[in-house]
Protein backbone atom coordinates (compact mmCIF):
# COMPACT_ATOMS: atom_id res chain seq x y z
CA UNK A 1 112.05 90.35 98.53
CA UNK A 2 114.23 90.38 101.67
CA UNK A 3 113.41 87.40 103.94
CA UNK A 4 113.08 89.58 107.06
CA UNK A 5 110.08 91.33 105.46
CA UNK A 6 108.08 88.11 105.31
CA UNK A 7 105.99 86.99 108.28
CA UNK A 8 107.66 84.23 110.30
CA UNK A 9 105.21 83.16 113.01
CA UNK A 10 107.68 80.58 114.36
CA UNK A 11 109.94 83.42 115.52
CA UNK A 12 107.15 85.57 116.97
CA UNK A 13 105.50 85.62 120.39
CA UNK A 14 102.02 85.52 118.85
CA UNK A 15 101.90 89.30 119.09
CA UNK A 16 99.10 89.87 116.59
CA UNK A 17 96.99 87.34 118.51
CA UNK A 18 97.28 89.47 121.65
CA UNK A 19 98.02 93.07 120.73
CA UNK A 20 95.31 93.65 118.14
CA UNK A 21 91.60 94.11 118.89
CA UNK A 22 88.79 92.82 116.71
CA UNK A 23 85.00 92.66 116.74
CA UNK A 24 82.60 89.86 115.96
CA UNK A 25 81.89 90.01 112.23
CA UNK A 26 82.24 88.03 109.04
CA UNK A 27 86.01 88.16 109.67
CA UNK A 28 86.07 87.18 113.35
CA UNK A 29 83.92 84.80 115.39
CA UNK A 30 83.95 86.87 118.59
CA UNK A 31 85.03 90.18 120.13
CA UNK A 32 88.56 90.59 121.50
CA UNK A 33 90.09 93.60 123.22
CA UNK A 34 93.60 94.91 122.58
CA UNK A 35 96.11 93.28 124.92
CA UNK A 36 93.90 90.25 125.56
CA UNK A 37 95.20 86.94 124.20
CA UNK A 38 92.91 85.23 121.72
CA UNK A 39 91.36 82.13 123.28
CA UNK A 40 92.79 80.11 120.38
CA UNK A 41 96.37 81.11 121.23
CA UNK A 42 98.27 78.24 122.86
CA UNK A 43 100.94 78.57 125.54
CA UNK A 44 103.65 78.00 122.91
CA UNK A 45 102.41 81.09 121.04
CA UNK A 46 100.99 79.04 118.19
CA UNK A 47 97.38 79.19 117.00
CA UNK A 48 95.31 76.18 118.04
CA UNK A 49 93.08 76.36 114.95
CA UNK A 50 95.62 77.60 112.41
CA UNK A 51 94.61 75.07 109.76
CA UNK A 52 90.90 75.79 110.26
CA UNK A 53 90.79 79.55 110.66
CA UNK A 54 88.42 80.20 107.76
CA UNK A 55 86.12 77.34 108.70
CA UNK A 56 85.99 78.54 112.32
CA UNK A 57 85.08 82.13 111.38
CA UNK A 58 88.49 83.79 111.55
CA UNK A 59 89.01 84.84 107.95
CA UNK A 60 90.52 88.10 109.22
CA UNK A 61 93.45 86.22 110.74
CA UNK A 62 94.31 84.68 107.37
CA UNK A 63 94.43 88.14 105.80
CA UNK A 64 96.64 89.93 108.33
CA UNK A 65 100.31 90.37 107.40
CA UNK A 66 102.80 92.02 109.75
CA UNK A 67 105.56 92.19 107.07
CA UNK A 68 107.94 90.57 109.56
CA UNK A 69 107.34 93.11 112.34
CA UNK A 70 106.31 90.41 114.81
CA UNK A 71 109.57 88.48 114.70
CA UNK A 72 111.58 91.71 114.64
CA UNK A 73 110.04 92.81 117.94
CA UNK A 74 110.23 89.35 119.45
CA UNK A 75 113.79 88.44 118.53
CA UNK A 76 115.56 91.78 118.08
CA UNK A 77 113.80 94.62 119.89
CA UNK A 78 113.02 92.48 122.95
CA UNK A 79 115.88 90.01 122.41
CA UNK A 80 113.74 86.92 122.89
CA UNK A 81 112.05 88.11 126.10
CA UNK A 82 108.50 86.74 125.86
CA UNK A 83 105.60 88.84 127.16
CA UNK A 84 104.45 85.82 129.17
CA UNK A 85 107.71 85.65 131.12
CA UNK A 86 108.16 89.43 131.25
CA UNK A 87 104.69 90.87 131.85
CA UNK A 88 106.22 94.23 132.79
CA UNK A 89 107.08 94.71 129.09
CA UNK A 90 103.85 93.33 127.64
CA UNK A 91 101.86 96.56 127.18
CA UNK A 92 104.83 98.35 125.62
CA UNK A 93 105.51 95.41 123.31
CA UNK A 94 101.92 95.34 122.14
CA UNK A 95 101.92 99.11 121.52
CA UNK A 96 105.08 98.76 119.41
CA UNK A 97 103.56 96.19 117.03
CA UNK A 98 101.43 98.53 114.86
CA UNK A 99 104.30 101.04 114.66
CA UNK A 100 106.85 98.40 113.66
CA UNK A 101 104.40 96.95 111.16
CA UNK A 102 104.06 100.29 109.40
CA UNK A 103 107.83 100.65 109.19
CA UNK A 104 108.19 97.14 107.77
CA UNK A 105 105.41 97.80 105.28
CA UNK A 106 107.31 100.85 104.01
CA UNK A 107 110.50 98.79 103.81
CA UNK A 108 108.67 96.14 101.79
CA UNK A 109 107.45 98.67 99.23
CA UNK A 110 110.90 100.26 98.91
CA UNK A 111 112.55 96.87 98.64
CA UNK A 112 110.26 96.09 95.73
CA UNK A 113 111.23 99.33 94.00
CA UNK A 114 114.93 98.61 94.48
CA UNK A 115 114.47 95.35 92.57
CA UNK A 116 112.69 96.91 89.60
CA UNK A 117 114.92 97.75 86.60
CA UNK A 118 112.56 100.59 85.62
CA UNK A 119 113.44 102.54 88.78
CA UNK A 120 117.22 102.59 88.29
CA UNK A 121 117.27 106.41 88.26
CA UNK A 122 115.72 106.47 91.75
CA UNK A 123 117.81 103.70 93.26
CA UNK A 124 120.22 105.87 95.26
CA UNK A 125 117.43 107.99 96.71
CA UNK A 126 115.33 104.94 97.61
CA UNK A 127 118.29 103.14 99.16
CA UNK A 128 119.06 106.17 101.35
CA UNK A 129 115.50 106.39 102.68
CA UNK A 130 115.37 102.60 103.05
CA UNK A 131 118.46 102.62 105.25
CA UNK A 132 117.06 105.43 107.40
CA UNK A 133 113.74 103.59 107.80
CA UNK A 134 115.55 100.39 108.70
CA UNK A 135 117.54 102.31 111.33
CA UNK A 136 114.25 103.35 112.93
CA UNK A 137 113.28 99.69 113.34
CA UNK A 138 116.39 99.16 115.47
CA UNK A 139 115.50 101.83 118.04
CA UNK A 140 114.62 101.08 121.65
CA UNK A 141 110.90 100.49 122.32
CA UNK A 142 110.34 103.88 123.96
CA UNK A 143 111.89 105.61 120.95
CA UNK A 144 109.82 103.53 118.53
CA UNK A 145 106.64 104.70 120.26
CA UNK A 146 107.71 108.35 119.83
CA UNK A 147 108.25 108.08 116.07
CA UNK A 148 106.38 110.38 113.69
CA UNK A 149 105.17 107.66 111.34
CA UNK A 150 103.01 109.95 109.12
CA UNK A 151 106.07 112.09 108.33
CA UNK A 152 108.18 109.05 107.49
CA UNK A 153 105.38 107.65 105.36
CA UNK A 154 105.14 110.95 103.45
CA UNK A 155 108.86 110.84 102.60
CA UNK A 156 108.62 107.25 101.41
CA UNK A 157 105.38 107.84 99.52
CA UNK A 158 106.97 110.55 97.38
CA UNK A 159 109.54 108.04 96.16
CA UNK A 160 106.91 105.36 95.65
CA UNK A 161 104.85 107.73 93.52
CA UNK A 162 107.87 108.47 91.34
CA UNK A 163 108.68 104.77 91.11
CA UNK A 164 105.09 103.97 90.17
CA UNK A 165 105.17 106.44 87.30
CA UNK A 166 108.36 104.90 85.95
CA UNK A 167 107.08 101.32 86.18
CA UNK A 168 103.67 102.08 84.69
CA UNK A 169 105.24 104.05 81.85
CA UNK A 170 106.78 100.74 80.73
CA UNK A 171 103.45 98.92 80.70
CA UNK A 172 102.78 97.21 77.35
CA UNK A 173 100.09 99.17 75.52
CA UNK A 174 98.86 99.56 71.97
CA UNK A 175 99.49 103.28 72.25
CA UNK A 176 101.48 105.37 74.70
CA UNK A 177 98.86 108.10 74.60
CA UNK A 178 96.07 105.57 75.09
CA UNK A 179 97.96 104.25 78.10
CA UNK A 180 98.32 107.72 79.59
CA UNK A 181 94.64 108.42 79.04
CA UNK A 182 93.65 105.14 80.63
CA UNK A 183 95.79 105.75 83.73
CA UNK A 184 94.37 109.25 84.15
CA UNK A 185 90.80 107.97 83.84
CA UNK A 186 91.18 105.16 86.38
CA UNK A 187 93.26 106.90 89.04
CA UNK A 188 91.47 107.53 92.31
CA UNK A 189 88.18 105.90 91.32
CA UNK A 190 86.31 103.37 93.41
CA UNK A 191 85.22 100.07 91.92
CA UNK A 192 82.93 98.56 94.54
CA UNK A 193 81.38 95.54 92.83
CA UNK A 194 82.43 96.84 89.42
CA UNK A 195 82.47 94.58 86.38
CA UNK A 196 86.01 94.75 84.98
CA UNK A 197 86.05 91.20 83.71
CA UNK A 198 88.58 90.82 80.91
CA UNK A 199 89.46 94.53 81.02
CA UNK A 200 92.78 95.86 79.75
CA UNK A 201 94.11 97.58 82.88
CA UNK A 202 97.79 97.54 82.06
CA UNK A 203 99.67 100.38 83.75
CA UNK A 204 96.60 101.63 85.62
CA UNK A 205 96.82 103.19 89.08
CA UNK A 206 94.45 101.79 91.70
CA UNK A 207 96.18 103.48 94.64
CA UNK A 208 93.82 103.33 97.62
CA UNK A 209 90.87 102.29 95.46
CA UNK A 210 87.84 100.53 96.89
CA UNK A 211 87.62 97.30 94.89
CA UNK A 212 85.54 95.11 97.20
CA UNK A 213 83.77 92.32 95.26
CA UNK A 214 85.07 93.74 91.98
CA UNK A 215 84.95 91.27 89.08
CA UNK A 216 88.50 91.19 87.72
CA UNK A 217 88.36 87.74 86.18
CA UNK A 218 90.77 87.42 83.25
CA UNK A 219 91.67 91.13 83.54
CA UNK A 220 95.12 92.27 82.43
CA UNK A 221 96.68 94.08 85.41
CA UNK A 222 100.30 93.92 84.33
CA UNK A 223 102.33 96.88 85.67
CA UNK A 224 99.28 98.18 87.57
CA UNK A 225 99.82 100.03 90.88
CA UNK A 226 97.74 98.35 93.61
CA UNK A 227 99.10 100.02 96.74
CA UNK A 228 96.41 100.21 99.40
CA UNK A 229 93.68 98.88 97.09
CA UNK A 230 90.92 97.11 99.01
CA UNK A 231 90.58 93.76 97.24
CA UNK A 232 88.33 92.01 99.73
CA UNK A 233 86.27 89.41 97.86
CA UNK A 234 87.46 90.77 94.50
CA UNK A 235 87.55 87.96 91.95
CA UNK A 236 91.00 87.65 90.38
CA UNK A 237 90.35 84.32 88.71
CA UNK A 238 92.52 84.06 85.61
CA UNK A 239 93.76 87.65 85.98
CA UNK A 240 97.33 88.53 84.98
CA UNK A 241 99.08 90.48 87.77
CA UNK A 242 102.64 89.84 86.65
CA UNK A 243 104.69 93.00 86.86
CA UNK A 244 102.09 94.71 89.06
CA UNK A 245 103.52 96.77 91.91
CA UNK A 246 102.87 97.12 95.65
CA UNK A 247 100.53 94.12 95.67
CA UNK A 248 100.78 92.33 99.03
CA UNK A 249 100.09 88.80 100.20
CA UNK A 250 97.48 90.25 102.54
CA UNK A 251 95.54 91.74 99.62
CA UNK A 252 95.62 88.41 97.80
CA UNK A 253 94.50 86.51 100.90
CA UNK A 254 91.46 88.79 101.12
CA UNK A 255 90.57 88.26 97.46
CA UNK A 256 89.31 85.34 95.39
CA UNK A 257 91.26 83.67 92.61
CA UNK A 258 92.27 80.36 91.09
CA UNK A 259 95.21 78.40 89.80
CA UNK A 260 95.14 80.37 86.54
CA UNK A 261 95.75 83.70 88.29
CA UNK A 262 99.25 84.96 87.43
CA UNK A 263 101.13 86.71 90.23
CA UNK A 264 104.44 88.52 90.78
CA UNK A 265 107.19 86.02 91.62
CA UNK A 266 107.51 87.05 95.28
CA UNK A 267 103.85 86.30 96.10
CA UNK A 268 102.04 82.97 96.57
CA UNK A 269 98.66 81.68 95.52
CA UNK A 270 96.53 81.65 98.70
CA UNK A 271 95.60 78.16 99.84
CA UNK A 272 91.86 78.87 99.70
CA UNK A 273 92.17 79.59 95.95
CA UNK A 274 93.32 76.04 95.20
């Protein structure tokens, strides 16, 4: 995965700690309005309780992933001009963050498809749309705020759907027809608290599925499509996710797992799993 699509808090002005609102819940210890700095944000734009976020009631902070949008805005779009020193740009900068994040998320998914050998037939088309999306991230702030993100997402999504079909068609299965039947049966279903422990889910599509607290211990999820799947508190202990597609670090951080969980090479075992 391209380095610029990974979050680098050291190069960011703590934008997510200011721009984004949140409410008191199991994910956050108190309410915070958009544009208001979190009380835990220090003057050097670092979090004062970074190593204790979960213990202090800020699990939501450990789950958020900007896909590198924060440092892009901080170091490129605003050329290192901090919102503290340039308050006239603060509101605009904060408004740009969710837009830039969506663009970087799309870039991350396309980057993953470009690296998959199964999608060779789509490579030129994906690369073209990737380059156009990357161009949008280099626009001036006012132009970024005028972007039609749903339209851009629709263009990218069509390629991701085609790529998903190609990848999942290569999923190891005892029978090609059984695999097709399985994918058709699972697609679009919700699995809130479902017991899928040890299930053979190779090549399945869980696009946008609700999988909160789903028991996926020791499940085989190789080549499964997990784009947009809600994995909060899902138990991935011992599950095999190698070869799965569109799985993000944010999804893993929201889930449970252990040292026996097998992940795609570009993702890391969350610290709270170990």
